N, C-alpha and C. Protein backbone atom coordinates (compact mmCIF):
# COMPACT_ATOMS: atom_id res chain seq x y z
N MET A 1 105.74 187.93 107.31
CA MET A 1 107.00 188.01 106.58
C MET A 1 108.17 187.44 107.40
N ALA A 2 108.18 187.76 108.70
CA ALA A 2 109.25 187.26 109.57
C ALA A 2 109.20 185.74 109.67
N ILE A 3 107.97 185.19 109.74
CA ILE A 3 107.81 183.73 109.82
C ILE A 3 108.38 183.06 108.57
N CYS A 4 108.07 183.63 107.43
CA CYS A 4 108.58 183.09 106.16
C CYS A 4 110.10 183.13 106.15
N PHE A 5 110.68 184.24 106.62
CA PHE A 5 112.14 184.40 106.62
C PHE A 5 112.81 183.35 107.50
N PHE A 6 112.34 183.21 108.73
CA PHE A 6 112.98 182.28 109.67
C PHE A 6 112.75 180.82 109.28
N ARG A 7 111.57 180.49 108.75
CA ARG A 7 111.32 179.11 108.31
C ARG A 7 112.26 178.74 107.16
N THR A 8 112.43 179.67 106.24
CA THR A 8 113.31 179.42 105.10
C THR A 8 114.76 179.24 105.55
N ILE A 9 115.22 180.09 106.46
CA ILE A 9 116.60 180.00 106.95
C ILE A 9 116.83 178.66 107.66
N ILE A 10 115.89 178.24 108.49
CA ILE A 10 116.02 176.98 109.24
C ILE A 10 116.11 175.80 108.28
N LEU A 11 115.19 175.77 107.32
CA LEU A 11 115.18 174.65 106.37
C LEU A 11 116.42 174.67 105.48
N TYR A 12 116.87 175.86 105.12
CA TYR A 12 118.07 175.99 104.29
C TYR A 12 119.29 175.45 105.02
N LEU A 13 119.46 175.83 106.26
CA LEU A 13 120.59 175.35 107.05
C LEU A 13 120.51 173.84 107.28
N LEU A 14 119.29 173.34 107.48
CA LEU A 14 119.11 171.91 107.68
C LEU A 14 119.49 171.13 106.43
N LEU A 15 119.16 171.65 105.26
CA LEU A 15 119.51 170.98 104.01
C LEU A 15 121.03 171.00 103.79
N ILE A 16 121.68 172.10 104.18
CA ILE A 16 123.14 172.16 104.05
C ILE A 16 123.79 171.08 104.90
N VAL A 17 123.29 170.90 106.13
CA VAL A 17 123.82 169.87 107.02
C VAL A 17 123.60 168.48 106.40
N ALA A 18 122.41 168.28 105.83
CA ALA A 18 122.10 166.98 105.22
C ALA A 18 123.03 166.67 104.06
N VAL A 19 123.27 167.67 103.22
CA VAL A 19 124.14 167.48 102.07
C VAL A 19 125.59 167.25 102.52
N ARG A 20 126.04 167.98 103.56
CA ARG A 20 127.40 167.79 104.07
C ARG A 20 127.59 166.38 104.61
N LEU A 21 126.55 165.82 105.21
CA LEU A 21 126.64 164.47 105.75
C LEU A 21 126.79 163.43 104.64
N MET A 22 126.34 163.78 103.44
CA MET A 22 126.45 162.88 102.31
C MET A 22 127.87 162.83 101.75
N GLY A 23 128.74 163.74 102.20
CA GLY A 23 130.13 163.72 101.76
C GLY A 23 130.35 164.58 100.53
N LYS A 24 131.62 164.68 100.13
CA LYS A 24 132.01 165.52 99.00
C LYS A 24 131.92 164.73 97.70
N LYS A 25 130.73 164.63 97.17
CA LYS A 25 130.52 163.89 95.93
C LYS A 25 129.77 164.76 94.94
N GLN A 26 130.05 164.54 93.67
CA GLN A 26 129.27 165.16 92.62
C GLN A 26 127.96 164.40 92.47
N VAL A 27 126.97 165.03 91.83
CA VAL A 27 125.67 164.40 91.68
C VAL A 27 125.79 163.06 90.97
N GLY A 28 126.64 162.99 89.94
CA GLY A 28 126.80 161.75 89.19
C GLY A 28 127.48 160.65 89.96
N GLU A 29 128.10 160.99 91.12
CA GLU A 29 128.81 160.00 91.90
C GLU A 29 128.03 159.54 93.12
N LEU A 30 126.82 160.04 93.29
CA LEU A 30 126.02 159.66 94.45
C LEU A 30 125.56 158.21 94.34
N GLU A 31 125.52 157.55 95.49
CA GLU A 31 124.95 156.22 95.53
C GLU A 31 123.43 156.34 95.34
N PRO A 32 122.76 155.25 94.92
CA PRO A 32 121.31 155.33 94.71
C PRO A 32 120.55 155.87 95.92
N THR A 33 120.92 155.43 97.13
CA THR A 33 120.23 155.91 98.33
C THR A 33 120.43 157.40 98.52
N GLU A 34 121.63 157.90 98.22
CA GLU A 34 121.92 159.31 98.40
C GLU A 34 121.23 160.15 97.33
N LEU A 35 121.13 159.62 96.12
CA LEU A 35 120.45 160.33 95.05
C LEU A 35 118.96 160.46 95.36
N VAL A 36 118.36 159.38 95.85
CA VAL A 36 116.94 159.42 96.23
C VAL A 36 116.73 160.44 97.34
N LEU A 37 117.65 160.47 98.31
CA LEU A 37 117.55 161.43 99.41
C LEU A 37 117.59 162.86 98.88
N ALA A 38 118.52 163.14 97.96
CA ALA A 38 118.65 164.49 97.42
C ALA A 38 117.37 164.94 96.72
N MET A 39 116.72 164.02 96.00
CA MET A 39 115.47 164.38 95.32
C MET A 39 114.33 164.62 96.30
N LEU A 40 114.27 163.78 97.35
CA LEU A 40 113.20 163.93 98.33
C LEU A 40 113.37 165.18 99.18
N LEU A 41 114.60 165.54 99.49
CA LEU A 41 114.83 166.70 100.34
C LEU A 41 114.29 167.97 99.72
N SER A 42 114.47 168.12 98.41
CA SER A 42 113.99 169.33 97.75
C SER A 42 112.47 169.46 97.85
N ASP A 43 111.76 168.34 97.71
CA ASP A 43 110.29 168.38 97.81
C ASP A 43 109.84 168.61 99.25
N LEU A 44 110.48 167.92 100.19
CA LEU A 44 110.08 168.06 101.59
C LEU A 44 110.33 169.47 102.12
N ALA A 45 111.40 170.10 101.66
CA ALA A 45 111.73 171.44 102.16
C ALA A 45 110.84 172.51 101.53
N SER A 46 110.40 172.29 100.28
CA SER A 46 109.60 173.32 99.60
C SER A 46 108.21 173.47 100.19
N VAL A 47 107.63 172.36 100.72
CA VAL A 47 106.26 172.43 101.25
C VAL A 47 106.16 173.34 102.46
N PRO A 48 106.95 173.18 103.54
CA PRO A 48 106.83 174.09 104.68
C PRO A 48 107.25 175.52 104.37
N MET A 49 108.06 175.72 103.32
CA MET A 49 108.44 177.08 102.94
C MET A 49 107.26 177.84 102.36
N GLN A 50 106.37 177.13 101.67
CA GLN A 50 105.25 177.77 100.98
C GLN A 50 103.96 177.73 101.78
N ASP A 51 103.74 176.67 102.55
CA ASP A 51 102.50 176.51 103.31
C ASP A 51 102.75 176.90 104.77
N PHE A 52 102.38 178.13 105.13
CA PHE A 52 102.61 178.61 106.49
C PHE A 52 101.66 177.98 107.49
N GLY A 53 100.60 177.36 106.99
CA GLY A 53 99.66 176.70 107.89
C GLY A 53 100.18 175.36 108.38
N LEU A 54 101.21 174.86 107.72
CA LEU A 54 101.80 173.57 108.10
C LEU A 54 102.89 173.82 109.15
N PRO A 55 102.80 173.15 110.31
CA PRO A 55 103.85 173.32 111.33
C PRO A 55 105.23 173.00 110.77
N LEU A 56 106.20 173.79 111.17
CA LEU A 56 107.56 173.61 110.68
C LEU A 56 108.10 172.22 111.01
N LEU A 57 107.67 171.67 112.14
CA LEU A 57 108.13 170.36 112.56
C LEU A 57 107.76 169.29 111.55
N PHE A 58 106.62 169.47 110.86
CA PHE A 58 106.19 168.50 109.86
C PHE A 58 107.13 168.45 108.65
N GLY A 59 107.90 169.52 108.45
CA GLY A 59 108.87 169.52 107.37
C GLY A 59 110.24 169.08 107.85
N VAL A 60 110.58 169.46 109.09
CA VAL A 60 111.90 169.14 109.63
C VAL A 60 112.02 167.66 109.97
N LEU A 61 110.98 167.10 110.58
CA LEU A 61 111.04 165.71 111.04
C LEU A 61 111.27 164.71 109.90
N PRO A 62 110.53 164.79 108.79
CA PRO A 62 110.81 163.84 107.69
C PRO A 62 112.23 163.97 107.14
N ILE A 63 112.75 165.20 107.09
CA ILE A 63 114.11 165.41 106.60
C ILE A 63 115.12 164.71 107.51
N LEU A 64 114.95 164.89 108.84
CA LEU A 64 115.86 164.26 109.80
C LEU A 64 115.77 162.74 109.72
N ILE A 65 114.56 162.21 109.55
CA ILE A 65 114.38 160.75 109.45
C ILE A 65 115.09 160.21 108.22
N LEU A 66 114.93 160.89 107.09
CA LEU A 66 115.55 160.43 105.85
C LEU A 66 117.07 160.50 105.93
N VAL A 67 117.58 161.56 106.55
CA VAL A 67 119.03 161.69 106.68
C VAL A 67 119.58 160.56 107.56
N CYS A 68 118.91 160.30 108.67
CA CYS A 68 119.34 159.22 109.57
C CYS A 68 119.27 157.87 108.87
N LEU A 69 118.19 157.65 108.10
CA LEU A 69 118.03 156.39 107.39
C LEU A 69 119.12 156.20 106.35
N THR A 70 119.45 157.28 105.64
CA THR A 70 120.51 157.21 104.63
C THR A 70 121.86 156.92 105.26
N MET A 71 122.12 157.52 106.43
CA MET A 71 123.39 157.27 107.12
C MET A 71 123.47 155.82 107.58
N ILE A 72 122.35 155.28 108.05
CA ILE A 72 122.32 153.88 108.48
C ILE A 72 122.59 152.96 107.30
N LEU A 73 121.96 153.25 106.16
CA LEU A 73 122.17 152.44 104.96
C LEU A 73 123.62 152.54 104.48
N SER A 74 124.19 153.74 104.59
CA SER A 74 125.59 153.91 104.18
C SER A 74 126.52 153.07 105.04
N MET A 75 126.25 153.04 106.35
CA MET A 75 127.06 152.23 107.25
C MET A 75 126.92 150.75 106.94
N MET A 76 125.69 150.33 106.61
CA MET A 76 125.46 148.93 106.28
C MET A 76 126.17 148.53 105.00
N THR A 77 126.21 149.44 104.02
CA THR A 77 126.89 149.13 102.76
C THR A 77 128.40 149.05 102.98
N MET A 78 128.92 149.79 103.96
CA MET A 78 130.35 149.71 104.27
C MET A 78 130.70 148.40 104.98
N LYS A 79 129.77 147.88 105.78
CA LYS A 79 130.04 146.69 106.57
C LYS A 79 129.78 145.40 105.79
N SER A 80 128.82 145.44 104.85
CA SER A 80 128.42 144.22 104.15
C SER A 80 128.56 144.39 102.64
N VAL A 81 129.39 143.55 102.02
CA VAL A 81 129.58 143.61 100.57
C VAL A 81 128.31 143.18 99.84
N ARG A 82 127.65 142.14 100.35
CA ARG A 82 126.43 141.65 99.70
C ARG A 82 125.32 142.69 99.75
N PHE A 83 125.20 143.37 100.90
CA PHE A 83 124.18 144.41 101.01
C PHE A 83 124.50 145.58 100.08
N ARG A 84 125.77 145.90 99.95
CA ARG A 84 126.17 146.98 99.05
C ARG A 84 125.83 146.63 97.60
N GLU A 85 126.08 145.40 97.19
CA GLU A 85 125.73 144.99 95.83
C GLU A 85 124.23 145.04 95.61
N LEU A 86 123.46 144.71 96.66
CA LEU A 86 122.00 144.72 96.55
C LEU A 86 121.48 146.14 96.38
N VAL A 87 122.01 147.08 97.15
CA VAL A 87 121.52 148.46 97.14
C VAL A 87 122.16 149.28 96.01
N CYS A 88 123.46 149.13 95.84
CA CYS A 88 124.20 149.99 94.91
C CYS A 88 124.55 149.33 93.59
N GLY A 89 124.38 148.01 93.50
CA GLY A 89 124.78 147.30 92.29
C GLY A 89 126.27 147.00 92.32
N ARG A 90 126.80 146.59 91.19
CA ARG A 90 128.23 146.29 91.10
C ARG A 90 128.75 146.77 89.75
N PRO A 91 130.03 147.10 89.67
CA PRO A 91 130.61 147.53 88.39
C PRO A 91 130.47 146.43 87.34
N SER A 92 130.28 146.84 86.09
CA SER A 92 130.09 145.89 85.00
C SER A 92 131.21 146.02 83.98
N LEU A 93 131.83 144.90 83.64
CA LEU A 93 132.87 144.86 82.62
C LEU A 93 132.20 144.76 81.25
N VAL A 94 132.32 145.80 80.44
CA VAL A 94 131.64 145.82 79.14
C VAL A 94 132.60 145.59 77.98
N ILE A 95 133.91 145.80 78.21
CA ILE A 95 134.93 145.44 77.21
C ILE A 95 136.02 144.67 77.92
N ASP A 96 136.34 143.49 77.41
CA ASP A 96 137.35 142.64 78.01
C ASP A 96 138.37 142.25 76.94
N HIS A 97 139.58 142.81 77.06
CA HIS A 97 140.65 142.54 76.09
C HIS A 97 140.19 142.81 74.66
N GLY A 98 139.59 143.97 74.46
CA GLY A 98 139.20 144.39 73.12
C GLY A 98 137.92 143.76 72.60
N GLN A 99 137.24 142.96 73.42
CA GLN A 99 136.00 142.28 72.99
C GLN A 99 134.80 142.88 73.70
N LEU A 100 133.77 143.21 72.93
CA LEU A 100 132.53 143.72 73.51
C LEU A 100 131.77 142.60 74.20
N LEU A 101 131.36 142.82 75.44
CA LEU A 101 130.54 141.85 76.16
C LEU A 101 129.08 142.26 76.00
N GLN A 102 128.44 141.68 74.98
CA GLN A 102 127.09 142.10 74.62
C GLN A 102 126.08 141.85 75.74
N GLY A 103 126.29 140.78 76.48
CA GLY A 103 125.37 140.48 77.57
C GLY A 103 125.38 141.56 78.64
N GLU A 104 126.56 142.07 78.97
CA GLU A 104 126.67 143.14 79.96
C GLU A 104 126.09 144.44 79.44
N LEU A 105 126.27 144.70 78.15
CA LEU A 105 125.68 145.89 77.56
C LEU A 105 124.16 145.86 77.65
N GLU A 106 123.58 144.69 77.35
CA GLU A 106 122.13 144.55 77.42
C GLU A 106 121.63 144.63 78.86
N ARG A 107 122.37 144.03 79.79
CA ARG A 107 121.95 144.04 81.19
C ARG A 107 121.92 145.45 81.76
N ASN A 108 122.85 146.28 81.30
CA ASN A 108 122.91 147.66 81.79
C ASN A 108 122.19 148.64 80.88
N ARG A 109 121.52 148.09 79.84
CA ARG A 109 120.78 148.92 78.89
C ARG A 109 121.67 150.02 78.32
N LEU A 110 122.87 149.63 77.94
CA LEU A 110 123.85 150.53 77.37
C LEU A 110 123.99 150.23 75.88
N THR A 111 123.69 151.19 75.04
CA THR A 111 123.76 150.97 73.60
C THR A 111 125.21 151.11 73.13
N VAL A 112 125.46 150.58 71.93
CA VAL A 112 126.79 150.69 71.35
C VAL A 112 127.14 152.15 71.09
N ASP A 113 126.16 152.94 70.66
CA ASP A 113 126.40 154.36 70.41
C ASP A 113 126.84 155.07 71.69
N GLU A 114 126.20 154.74 72.82
CA GLU A 114 126.58 155.36 74.09
C GLU A 114 127.98 154.93 74.51
N LEU A 115 128.29 153.66 74.28
CA LEU A 115 129.62 153.16 74.62
C LEU A 115 130.69 153.86 73.78
N MET A 116 130.45 153.98 72.49
CA MET A 116 131.41 154.63 71.61
C MET A 116 131.57 156.11 71.96
N GLU A 117 130.50 156.74 72.41
CA GLU A 117 130.58 158.13 72.85
C GLU A 117 131.52 158.26 74.06
N GLU A 118 131.37 157.33 75.01
CA GLU A 118 132.23 157.35 76.19
C GLU A 118 133.69 157.15 75.79
N LEU A 119 133.93 156.27 74.82
CA LEU A 119 135.31 156.03 74.36
C LEU A 119 135.88 157.28 73.68
N ARG A 120 135.06 157.94 72.86
CA ARG A 120 135.53 159.14 72.17
C ARG A 120 135.86 160.25 73.15
N LEU A 121 135.08 160.34 74.23
CA LEU A 121 135.35 161.36 75.25
C LEU A 121 136.69 161.14 75.92
N LYS A 122 137.18 159.89 75.89
CA LYS A 122 138.49 159.56 76.45
C LYS A 122 139.57 159.55 75.37
N GLY A 123 139.22 160.00 74.16
CA GLY A 123 140.20 160.06 73.08
C GLY A 123 140.46 158.74 72.40
N ILE A 124 139.51 157.80 72.49
CA ILE A 124 139.68 156.46 71.90
C ILE A 124 138.63 156.27 70.81
N THR A 125 139.06 155.87 69.63
CA THR A 125 138.14 155.67 68.51
C THR A 125 137.94 154.20 68.16
N ASP A 126 138.84 153.34 68.60
CA ASP A 126 138.78 151.91 68.28
C ASP A 126 138.69 151.11 69.57
N PHE A 127 137.55 150.44 69.80
CA PHE A 127 137.36 149.72 71.06
C PHE A 127 138.31 148.52 71.19
N SER A 128 138.87 148.05 70.06
CA SER A 128 139.79 146.91 70.13
C SER A 128 141.11 147.28 70.80
N THR A 129 141.38 148.59 70.96
CA THR A 129 142.60 149.03 71.63
C THR A 129 142.40 149.14 73.15
N VAL A 130 141.18 148.85 73.60
CA VAL A 130 140.86 148.95 75.02
C VAL A 130 141.00 147.58 75.68
N LYS A 131 141.78 147.52 76.74
CA LYS A 131 141.95 146.26 77.46
C LYS A 131 140.73 145.99 78.33
N TYR A 132 140.32 147.01 79.10
CA TYR A 132 139.12 146.88 79.93
C TYR A 132 138.32 148.17 79.86
N ALA A 133 137.00 148.03 79.83
CA ALA A 133 136.08 149.16 80.00
C ALA A 133 135.06 148.73 81.06
N ILE A 134 134.98 149.51 82.12
CA ILE A 134 134.15 149.14 83.26
C ILE A 134 133.12 150.23 83.51
N LEU A 135 131.86 149.84 83.54
CA LEU A 135 130.78 150.76 83.88
C LEU A 135 130.64 150.76 85.40
N GLU A 136 131.01 151.88 86.02
CA GLU A 136 131.01 151.97 87.48
C GLU A 136 129.59 152.18 88.01
N ASN A 137 129.44 152.01 89.33
CA ASN A 137 128.13 152.18 89.96
C ASN A 137 127.59 153.60 89.80
N SER A 138 128.50 154.57 89.69
CA SER A 138 128.08 155.96 89.55
C SER A 138 127.60 156.29 88.15
N GLY A 139 127.80 155.35 87.21
CA GLY A 139 127.44 155.61 85.81
C GLY A 139 128.62 156.05 84.98
N GLU A 140 129.75 156.34 85.64
CA GLU A 140 130.96 156.73 84.92
C GLU A 140 131.60 155.50 84.27
N MET A 141 132.30 155.74 83.18
CA MET A 141 132.98 154.66 82.46
C MET A 141 134.48 154.75 82.69
N SER A 142 135.06 153.69 83.24
CA SER A 142 136.51 153.61 83.43
C SER A 142 137.12 152.88 82.24
N ILE A 143 138.03 153.56 81.56
CA ILE A 143 138.66 153.01 80.36
C ILE A 143 140.13 152.71 80.65
N ILE A 144 140.54 151.46 80.43
CA ILE A 144 141.93 151.06 80.64
C ILE A 144 142.47 150.51 79.33
N PRO A 145 143.24 151.30 78.59
CA PRO A 145 143.78 150.81 77.31
C PRO A 145 144.96 149.87 77.51
N TYR A 146 145.33 149.17 76.45
CA TYR A 146 146.53 148.35 76.48
C TYR A 146 147.75 149.24 76.71
N ASP A 147 148.76 148.67 77.35
CA ASP A 147 149.98 149.44 77.61
C ASP A 147 150.61 149.93 76.32
N ARG A 148 150.48 149.13 75.26
CA ARG A 148 151.11 149.52 73.99
C ARG A 148 150.43 150.72 73.35
N GLU A 149 149.20 151.04 73.83
CA GLU A 149 148.45 152.17 73.28
C GLU A 149 148.66 153.45 74.07
N THR A 150 149.42 153.38 75.15
CA THR A 150 149.64 154.56 76.00
C THR A 150 151.07 155.07 75.83
N ALA A 151 151.26 156.32 76.13
CA ALA A 151 152.59 156.92 76.03
C ALA A 151 153.51 156.32 77.08
N ALA A 152 154.75 156.14 76.72
CA ALA A 152 155.73 155.58 77.65
C ALA A 152 156.00 156.57 78.78
N THR A 153 156.10 156.05 79.98
CA THR A 153 156.38 156.87 81.16
C THR A 153 157.89 156.97 81.37
N PRO A 154 158.35 158.01 82.08
CA PRO A 154 159.79 158.11 82.38
C PRO A 154 160.32 156.87 83.09
N ARG A 155 159.50 156.24 83.93
CA ARG A 155 159.94 155.04 84.63
C ARG A 155 160.20 153.90 83.66
N GLN A 156 159.32 153.75 82.66
CA GLN A 156 159.51 152.70 81.67
C GLN A 156 160.74 152.94 80.81
N MET A 157 161.10 154.21 80.66
CA MET A 157 162.26 154.57 79.85
C MET A 157 163.52 154.74 80.70
N ASN A 158 163.42 154.35 82.00
CA ASN A 158 164.56 154.44 82.92
C ASN A 158 165.11 155.85 83.00
N MET A 159 164.20 156.84 83.03
CA MET A 159 164.59 158.23 83.13
C MET A 159 164.30 158.75 84.54
N THR A 160 165.15 159.66 84.99
CA THR A 160 164.94 160.30 86.28
C THR A 160 164.40 161.71 86.05
N VAL A 161 163.26 162.00 86.66
CA VAL A 161 162.64 163.31 86.48
C VAL A 161 162.48 163.98 87.84
N LYS A 162 162.44 165.28 87.82
CA LYS A 162 162.23 166.05 89.03
C LYS A 162 160.75 166.14 89.31
N GLU A 163 160.37 165.73 90.50
CA GLU A 163 158.96 165.73 90.87
C GLU A 163 158.50 167.15 91.19
N ASP A 164 157.34 167.51 90.68
CA ASP A 164 156.75 168.81 91.00
C ASP A 164 156.11 168.76 92.38
N GLY A 165 156.24 169.85 93.12
CA GLY A 165 155.61 169.92 94.44
C GLY A 165 154.19 170.48 94.35
N LEU A 166 153.42 170.25 95.39
CA LEU A 166 152.05 170.76 95.44
C LEU A 166 152.07 172.21 95.91
N PRO A 167 151.61 173.16 95.08
CA PRO A 167 151.63 174.57 95.49
C PRO A 167 150.62 174.82 96.62
N VAL A 168 151.07 175.58 97.62
CA VAL A 168 150.22 175.97 98.74
C VAL A 168 150.10 177.48 98.73
N ILE A 169 148.89 178.00 98.86
CA ILE A 169 148.66 179.44 98.82
C ILE A 169 149.08 180.07 100.14
N LEU A 170 149.99 181.05 100.04
CA LEU A 170 150.44 181.78 101.23
C LEU A 170 149.78 183.15 101.34
N ILE A 171 149.55 183.77 100.18
CA ILE A 171 148.87 185.07 100.15
C ILE A 171 147.75 185.00 99.11
N ASN A 172 146.57 185.36 99.52
CA ASN A 172 145.41 185.32 98.64
C ASN A 172 144.75 186.70 98.64
N ASP A 173 144.92 187.42 97.53
CA ASP A 173 144.33 188.75 97.37
C ASP A 173 144.66 189.67 98.55
N GLY A 174 145.95 189.74 98.87
CA GLY A 174 146.40 190.65 99.91
C GLY A 174 146.25 190.15 101.34
N ARG A 175 145.80 188.90 101.50
CA ARG A 175 145.59 188.34 102.83
C ARG A 175 146.53 187.16 103.04
N VAL A 176 147.22 187.15 104.17
CA VAL A 176 148.15 186.08 104.48
C VAL A 176 147.39 184.88 105.02
N MET A 177 147.63 183.70 104.43
CA MET A 177 147.04 182.47 104.91
C MET A 177 147.94 181.91 106.02
N THR A 178 147.68 182.35 107.26
CA THR A 178 148.56 182.02 108.39
C THR A 178 148.72 180.52 108.59
N HIS A 179 147.62 179.79 108.46
CA HIS A 179 147.68 178.34 108.66
C HIS A 179 148.60 177.69 107.63
N ASN A 180 148.49 178.11 106.37
CA ASN A 180 149.33 177.55 105.32
C ASN A 180 150.79 177.92 105.53
N LEU A 181 151.02 179.14 106.02
CA LEU A 181 152.38 179.59 106.27
C LEU A 181 153.06 178.72 107.32
N LYS A 182 152.34 178.41 108.37
CA LYS A 182 152.87 177.54 109.42
C LYS A 182 153.05 176.11 108.91
N HIS A 183 152.09 175.66 108.09
CA HIS A 183 152.16 174.30 107.54
C HIS A 183 153.42 174.11 106.70
N MET A 184 153.82 175.16 105.99
CA MET A 184 155.02 175.09 105.15
C MET A 184 156.28 175.44 105.94
N GLN A 185 156.13 175.59 107.25
CA GLN A 185 157.25 175.88 108.15
C GLN A 185 157.97 177.16 107.76
N ARG A 186 157.20 178.19 107.49
CA ARG A 186 157.71 179.52 107.20
C ARG A 186 157.11 180.49 108.21
N ASP A 187 157.77 181.66 108.35
CA ASP A 187 157.27 182.66 109.29
C ASP A 187 157.15 184.01 108.60
N ASP A 188 156.72 185.02 109.37
CA ASP A 188 156.52 186.36 108.81
C ASP A 188 157.82 186.98 108.31
N ARG A 189 158.92 186.66 108.98
CA ARG A 189 160.21 187.20 108.58
C ARG A 189 160.59 186.69 107.19
N TRP A 190 160.41 185.40 106.98
CA TRP A 190 160.69 184.82 105.66
C TRP A 190 159.80 185.45 104.60
N LEU A 191 158.53 185.68 104.96
CA LEU A 191 157.57 186.24 104.02
C LEU A 191 157.99 187.66 103.62
N LYS A 192 158.43 188.46 104.59
CA LYS A 192 158.87 189.83 104.30
C LYS A 192 160.10 189.83 103.40
N GLU A 193 160.98 188.86 103.59
CA GLU A 193 162.17 188.76 102.74
C GLU A 193 161.79 188.46 101.30
N GLN A 194 160.81 187.58 101.13
CA GLN A 194 160.35 187.24 99.78
C GLN A 194 159.71 188.45 99.10
N LEU A 195 158.95 189.22 99.85
CA LEU A 195 158.33 190.42 99.29
C LEU A 195 159.39 191.46 98.93
N SER A 196 160.39 191.59 99.79
CA SER A 196 161.47 192.56 99.55
C SER A 196 162.23 192.23 98.28
N GLN A 197 162.44 190.94 98.02
CA GLN A 197 163.15 190.52 96.81
C GLN A 197 162.37 190.88 95.55
N GLN A 198 161.05 190.99 95.69
CA GLN A 198 160.21 191.36 94.56
C GLN A 198 159.94 192.86 94.50
N GLY A 199 160.58 193.61 95.42
CA GLY A 199 160.39 195.05 95.44
C GLY A 199 159.07 195.48 96.04
N LEU A 200 158.50 194.65 96.90
CA LEU A 200 157.21 194.94 97.52
C LEU A 200 157.41 195.21 99.01
N SER A 201 156.56 196.07 99.55
CA SER A 201 156.67 196.42 100.96
C SER A 201 155.50 195.94 101.79
N SER A 202 154.43 195.48 101.14
CA SER A 202 153.24 195.07 101.88
C SER A 202 152.56 193.90 101.17
N VAL A 203 151.93 193.03 101.96
CA VAL A 203 151.18 191.91 101.37
C VAL A 203 149.97 192.41 100.60
N LYS A 204 149.54 193.64 100.86
CA LYS A 204 148.39 194.20 100.15
C LYS A 204 148.67 194.37 98.67
N GLU A 205 149.95 194.39 98.31
CA GLU A 205 150.33 194.55 96.91
C GLU A 205 150.36 193.22 96.15
N VAL A 206 150.12 192.11 96.88
CA VAL A 206 150.21 190.77 96.29
C VAL A 206 148.82 190.22 96.03
N PHE A 207 148.59 189.78 94.80
CA PHE A 207 147.32 189.13 94.47
C PHE A 207 147.36 187.65 94.83
N LEU A 208 148.48 186.99 94.51
CA LEU A 208 148.62 185.55 94.81
C LEU A 208 150.09 185.22 95.01
N MET A 209 150.33 184.41 96.05
CA MET A 209 151.68 183.91 96.30
C MET A 209 151.57 182.47 96.75
N THR A 210 152.31 181.59 96.07
CA THR A 210 152.28 180.17 96.41
C THR A 210 153.69 179.67 96.67
N LEU A 211 153.77 178.57 97.42
CA LEU A 211 155.03 177.91 97.72
C LEU A 211 154.81 176.41 97.62
N ASP A 212 155.66 175.72 96.84
CA ASP A 212 155.49 174.28 96.73
C ASP A 212 156.50 173.53 97.59
N GLU A 213 156.42 172.21 97.56
CA GLU A 213 157.24 171.37 98.43
C GLU A 213 158.73 171.44 98.09
N THR A 214 159.05 171.87 96.88
CA THR A 214 160.45 171.98 96.47
C THR A 214 161.04 173.34 96.82
N GLY A 215 160.24 174.25 97.39
CA GLY A 215 160.71 175.58 97.75
C GLY A 215 160.50 176.61 96.66
N GLN A 216 159.81 176.25 95.59
CA GLN A 216 159.57 177.16 94.48
C GLN A 216 158.48 178.15 94.85
N VAL A 217 158.80 179.44 94.74
CA VAL A 217 157.84 180.51 95.06
C VAL A 217 157.29 181.11 93.78
N ASN A 218 155.99 181.28 93.72
CA ASN A 218 155.35 181.91 92.58
C ASN A 218 154.53 183.08 93.10
N LEU A 219 154.82 184.29 92.62
CA LEU A 219 154.15 185.49 93.13
C LEU A 219 153.55 186.28 91.98
N VAL A 220 152.31 186.69 92.16
CA VAL A 220 151.62 187.52 91.18
C VAL A 220 151.21 188.82 91.87
N LYS A 221 151.71 189.93 91.35
CA LYS A 221 151.36 191.22 91.93
C LYS A 221 149.96 191.63 91.49
N LYS A 222 149.35 192.48 92.28
CA LYS A 222 148.03 192.98 91.92
C LYS A 222 148.15 193.86 90.68
N GLY A 223 147.24 193.61 89.74
CA GLY A 223 147.23 194.40 88.52
C GLY A 223 148.03 193.82 87.39
N GLU A 224 148.79 192.71 87.63
CA GLU A 224 149.56 192.09 86.55
C GLU A 224 148.98 190.72 86.23
N LYS A 225 149.27 190.24 85.04
CA LYS A 225 148.77 188.95 84.61
C LYS A 225 149.62 187.84 85.21
N GLY A 226 148.92 186.75 85.75
CA GLY A 226 149.64 185.63 86.34
C GLY A 226 150.07 184.63 85.30
């Protein structure tokens, strides 16, 4: 039982390291080499977990080799555009100025129904209103409509708007985020003053408190709706 426990923990931690090395990507955004690695890792890790007669090294070594190989390929794709196109492919323009490029659709084995589904998911029902539609390497569809089909921005209307700041969490469920507090150039004295203004005496009474770049404070007490 102990052998099973420790083998599983080792392989689990090794897989976490492997996935972290692949970067912060969703499954649909993985490059082909990374997707293949993810599929192989699950099979390679399951065998030593179940077969105790197989030395643990026989499961760990292939995983390390594949991770190293994937990292090497990733570096090569960063250094060479041609190698990247060979391994990862290239984005395909499937709509150009409202015109369907049938050849690109056939090359990518993308049906009209699938294309129209992607457009509907972006709130577009008429492909002629699309300036460009690009099928990315990840399989995602980038839709760029004509400017006349999009809402006017304040800049286009010569309007001045107040920019919203990025909220930073200072208190999370009664715990002070010290690093964030320092990052926002605030101290404990300022924090106590903010709590006092809300009639609070302790951070334990705060469920969430944020501060944005404009100095706007948002505080939610424990037990109340935010």
